[in-house]
Each structure stands twice: as structure tokens, then as C-alpha cells.
Amino acid sequence: MPGKPKGLPKTGGRRPGSLNKFTSNCKAALEEAFARLGGVDSLVAWGSENPSDFYKCWSKLIPKDIKIEGGEGLIKMVIVTGVPEAAPKLPANDRTAD
């Protein structure tokens, strides 16, 4: 069979932890677009005019929970972000008319 015999170390390829070209190019393009669109001041203005959309985007960047292993088991730490969750919708037959 062609190829390397088993047990030999890997050679070549990307270094562990390095970003691929698409990811690094995309990040650079987003940073440039952010700067050209007015940077932080423009983001604040947009967030003030569209708070629902702003917090929707922001909430996707915040970790939902953090799991830490150690001690006698698994510890789950929930981070309270201050971003309100949507209220659950009631079934049609449980709704009351206002």
C-alpha cells in the first residue's frame, strides 16, 4: 500500500492552532469594514436605534455556560448576562383576551 508506515510522526501541514487563510482573510475584511463604517461610534448609534437587533447579535457572542471539570465531578457555572430571554408562548387555548 502506498503511504507512510504506521508509527512515523506527521510531517508537513499547518501548525497546530494556526488559522486557515479563509478565516484570517475574513476576519481582516470584517475589521476593515467595521472601521470604514464608523467603528465603535457607528455601532453605538445603530444599537441605540435598533436595541432588539443589537442584543440579538450580542447574545450570540456571549457564552451560554461554562463547564469546568475538577474535584468530585462536573461543575456547571451559568453566566447571567442581563440579556432577557424571550417569554415562552402560550398555547392558543390558554391565551386570555385583553
C-alpha atoms as a PDB file:
ATOM      1  CA  MET A   1       0.000   0.000   0.000  1.00  0.00           C
ATOM      2  CA  PRO A   2       1.260   3.496  -0.770  1.00  0.00           C
ATOM      3  CA  GLY A   3       1.764   5.979   2.036  1.00  0.00           C
ATOM      4  CA  LYS A   4       3.688   6.236   5.236  1.00  0.00           C
ATOM      5  CA  PRO A   5       4.160   3.260   7.526  1.00  0.00           C
ATOM      6  CA  LYS A   6       2.254   3.434  10.815  1.00  0.00           C
ATOM      7  CA  GLY A   7       4.033   4.947  13.788  1.00  0.00           C
ATOM      8  CA  LEU A   8       6.002   7.627  11.950  1.00  0.00           C
ATOM      9  CA  PRO A   9       5.422  11.236  13.083  1.00  0.00           C
ATOM     10  CA  LYS A  10       3.336  13.596  10.967  1.00  0.00           C
ATOM     11  CA  THR A  11       5.308  15.934   8.740  1.00  0.00           C
ATOM     12  CA  GLY A  12       4.117  18.988   6.854  1.00  0.00           C
ATOM     13  CA  GLY A  13       0.747  20.692   7.033  1.00  0.00           C
ATOM     14  CA  ARG A  14      -0.389  23.652   9.089  1.00  0.00           C
ATOM     15  CA  ARG A  15       0.959  24.247  12.578  1.00  0.00           C
ATOM     16  CA  PRO A  16      -1.496  23.440  15.390  1.00  0.00           C
ATOM     17  CA  GLY A  17      -3.597  26.454  16.341  1.00  0.00           C
ATOM     18  CA  SER A  18      -2.895  28.431  13.176  1.00  0.00           C
ATOM     19  CA  LEU A  19      -5.872  29.923  11.330  1.00  0.00           C
ATOM     20  CA  ASN A  20      -6.587  28.910   7.767  1.00  0.00           C
ATOM     21  CA  LYS A  21      -6.321  31.587   5.069  1.00  0.00           C
ATOM     22  CA  PHE A  22     -10.093  31.990   4.653  1.00  0.00           C
ATOM     23  CA  THR A  23     -10.631  32.617   8.387  1.00  0.00           C
ATOM     24  CA  SER A  24      -7.810  35.137   8.671  1.00  0.00           C
ATOM     25  CA  ASN A  25      -8.838  36.926   5.420  1.00  0.00           C
ATOM     26  CA  CYS A  26     -12.485  37.057   6.539  1.00  0.00           C
ATOM     27  CA  LYS A  27     -11.522  38.458   9.946  1.00  0.00           C
ATOM     28  CA  ALA A  28      -9.340  41.135   8.320  1.00  0.00           C
ATOM     29  CA  ALA A  29     -12.164  42.100   5.929  1.00  0.00           C
ATOM     30  CA  LEU A  30     -14.667  42.400   8.808  1.00  0.00           C
ATOM     31  CA  GLU A  31     -12.241  44.566  10.805  1.00  0.00           C
ATOM     32  CA  GLU A  32     -11.718  46.862   7.801  1.00  0.00           C
ATOM     33  CA  ALA A  33     -15.465  47.097   7.132  1.00  0.00           C
ATOM     34  CA  PHE A  34     -16.092  47.917  10.813  1.00  0.00           C
ATOM     35  CA  ALA A  35     -13.534  50.732  10.660  1.00  0.00           C
ATOM     36  CA  ARG A  36     -14.914  52.113   7.364  1.00  0.00           C
ATOM     37  CA  LEU A  37     -18.497  52.066   8.716  1.00  0.00           C
ATOM     38  CA  GLY A  38     -17.548  54.303  11.636  1.00  0.00           C
ATOM     39  CA  GLY A  39     -16.194  51.871  14.196  1.00  0.00           C
ATOM     40  CA  VAL A  40     -17.481  51.904  17.764  1.00  0.00           C
ATOM     41  CA  ASP A  41     -19.324  55.227  17.435  1.00  0.00           C
ATOM     42  CA  SER A  42     -21.338  53.914  14.486  1.00  0.00           C
ATOM     43  CA  LEU A  43     -22.085  50.641  16.310  1.00  0.00           C
ATOM     44  CA  VAL A  44     -23.344  52.563  19.343  1.00  0.00           C
ATOM     45  CA  ALA A  45     -25.605  54.701  17.144  1.00  0.00           C
ATOM     46  CA  TRP A  46     -27.006  51.617  15.403  1.00  0.00           C
ATOM     47  CA  GLY A  47     -27.501  49.830  18.726  1.00  0.00           C
ATOM     48  CA  SER A  48     -29.379  52.832  20.115  1.00  0.00           C
ATOM     49  CA  GLU A  49     -31.731  52.848  17.130  1.00  0.00           C
ATOM     50  CA  ASN A  50     -32.113  49.048  16.962  1.00  0.00           C
ATOM     51  CA  PRO A  51     -31.714  47.690  20.505  1.00  0.00           C
ATOM     52  CA  SER A  52     -33.529  44.421  19.778  1.00  0.00           C
ATOM     53  CA  ASP A  53     -31.235  43.585  16.843  1.00  0.00           C
ATOM     54  CA  PHE A  54     -28.161  44.773  18.760  1.00  0.00           C
ATOM     55  CA  TYR A  55     -28.837  42.488  21.735  1.00  0.00           C
ATOM     56  CA  LYS A  56     -29.742  39.613  19.415  1.00  0.00           C
ATOM     57  CA  CYS A  57     -26.290  39.875  17.802  1.00  0.00           C
ATOM     58  CA  TRP A  58     -24.550  40.443  21.142  1.00  0.00           C
ATOM     59  CA  SER A  59     -26.213  37.451  22.797  1.00  0.00           C
ATOM     60  CA  LYS A  60     -24.735  35.133  20.158  1.00  0.00           C
ATOM     61  CA  LEU A  61     -21.221  36.169  21.224  1.00  0.00           C
ATOM     62  CA  ILE A  62     -21.723  35.533  24.944  1.00  0.00           C
ATOM     63  CA  PRO A  63     -21.038  32.018  26.240  1.00  0.00           C
ATOM     64  CA  LYS A  64     -24.183  30.187  27.303  1.00  0.00           C
ATOM     65  CA  ASP A  65     -22.481  28.301  30.122  1.00  0.00           C
ATOM     66  CA  ILE A  66     -19.043  27.204  31.216  1.00  0.00           C
ATOM     67  CA  LYS A  67     -18.231  23.641  32.245  1.00  0.00           C
ATOM     68  CA  ILE A  68     -15.228  23.046  34.474  1.00  0.00           C
ATOM     69  CA  GLU A  69     -14.011  19.579  35.358  1.00  0.00           C
ATOM     70  CA  GLY A  70     -12.369  19.053  38.700  1.00  0.00           C
ATOM     71  CA  GLY A  71     -12.839  17.826  42.201  1.00  0.00           C
ATOM     72  CA  GLU A  72     -15.525  15.213  42.603  1.00  0.00           C
ATOM     73  CA  GLY A  73     -17.333  15.734  39.332  1.00  0.00           C
ATOM     74  CA  LEU A  74     -18.567  18.247  36.844  1.00  0.00           C
ATOM     75  CA  ILE A  75     -19.347  21.800  37.924  1.00  0.00           C
ATOM     76  CA  LYS A  76     -21.636  23.854  35.720  1.00  0.00           C
ATOM     77  CA  MET A  77     -21.371  27.625  36.017  1.00  0.00           C
ATOM     78  CA  VAL A  78     -24.155  29.639  34.392  1.00  0.00           C
ATOM     79  CA  ILE A  79     -23.221  33.169  33.390  1.00  0.00           C
ATOM     80  CA  VAL A  80     -26.051  35.656  33.828  1.00  0.00           C
ATOM     81  CA  THR A  81     -25.685  38.175  31.028  1.00  0.00           C
ATOM     82  CA  GLY A  82     -28.521  40.600  31.610  1.00  0.00           C
ATOM     83  CA  VAL A  83     -29.867  39.865  28.126  1.00  0.00           C
ATOM     84  CA  PRO A  84     -33.523  38.953  28.626  1.00  0.00           C
ATOM     85  CA  GLU A  85     -34.810  35.660  27.279  1.00  0.00           C
ATOM     86  CA  ALA A  86     -37.957  35.585  25.186  1.00  0.00           C
ATOM     87  CA  ALA A  87     -41.082  34.694  27.161  1.00  0.00           C
ATOM     88  CA  PRO A  88     -42.491  31.263  26.316  1.00  0.00           C
ATOM     89  CA  LYS A  89     -45.523  31.346  24.039  1.00  0.00           C
ATOM     90  CA  LEU A  90     -48.749  30.011  25.471  1.00  0.00           C
ATOM     91  CA  PRO A  91     -50.821  27.511  23.523  1.00  0.00           C
ATOM     92  CA  ALA A  92     -53.742  29.110  21.666  1.00  0.00           C
ATOM     93  CA  ASN A  93     -56.340  27.696  24.078  1.00  0.00           C
ATOM     94  CA  ASP A  94     -54.533  29.159  27.159  1.00  0.00           C
ATOM     95  CA  ARG A  95     -54.421  32.759  25.917  1.00  0.00           C
ATOM     96  CA  THR A  96     -56.709  35.296  27.505  1.00  0.00           C
ATOM     97  CA  ALA A  97     -58.293  38.174  25.592  1.00  0.00           C
ATOM     98  CA  ASP A  98     -57.343  41.665  26.736  1.00  0.00           C
END
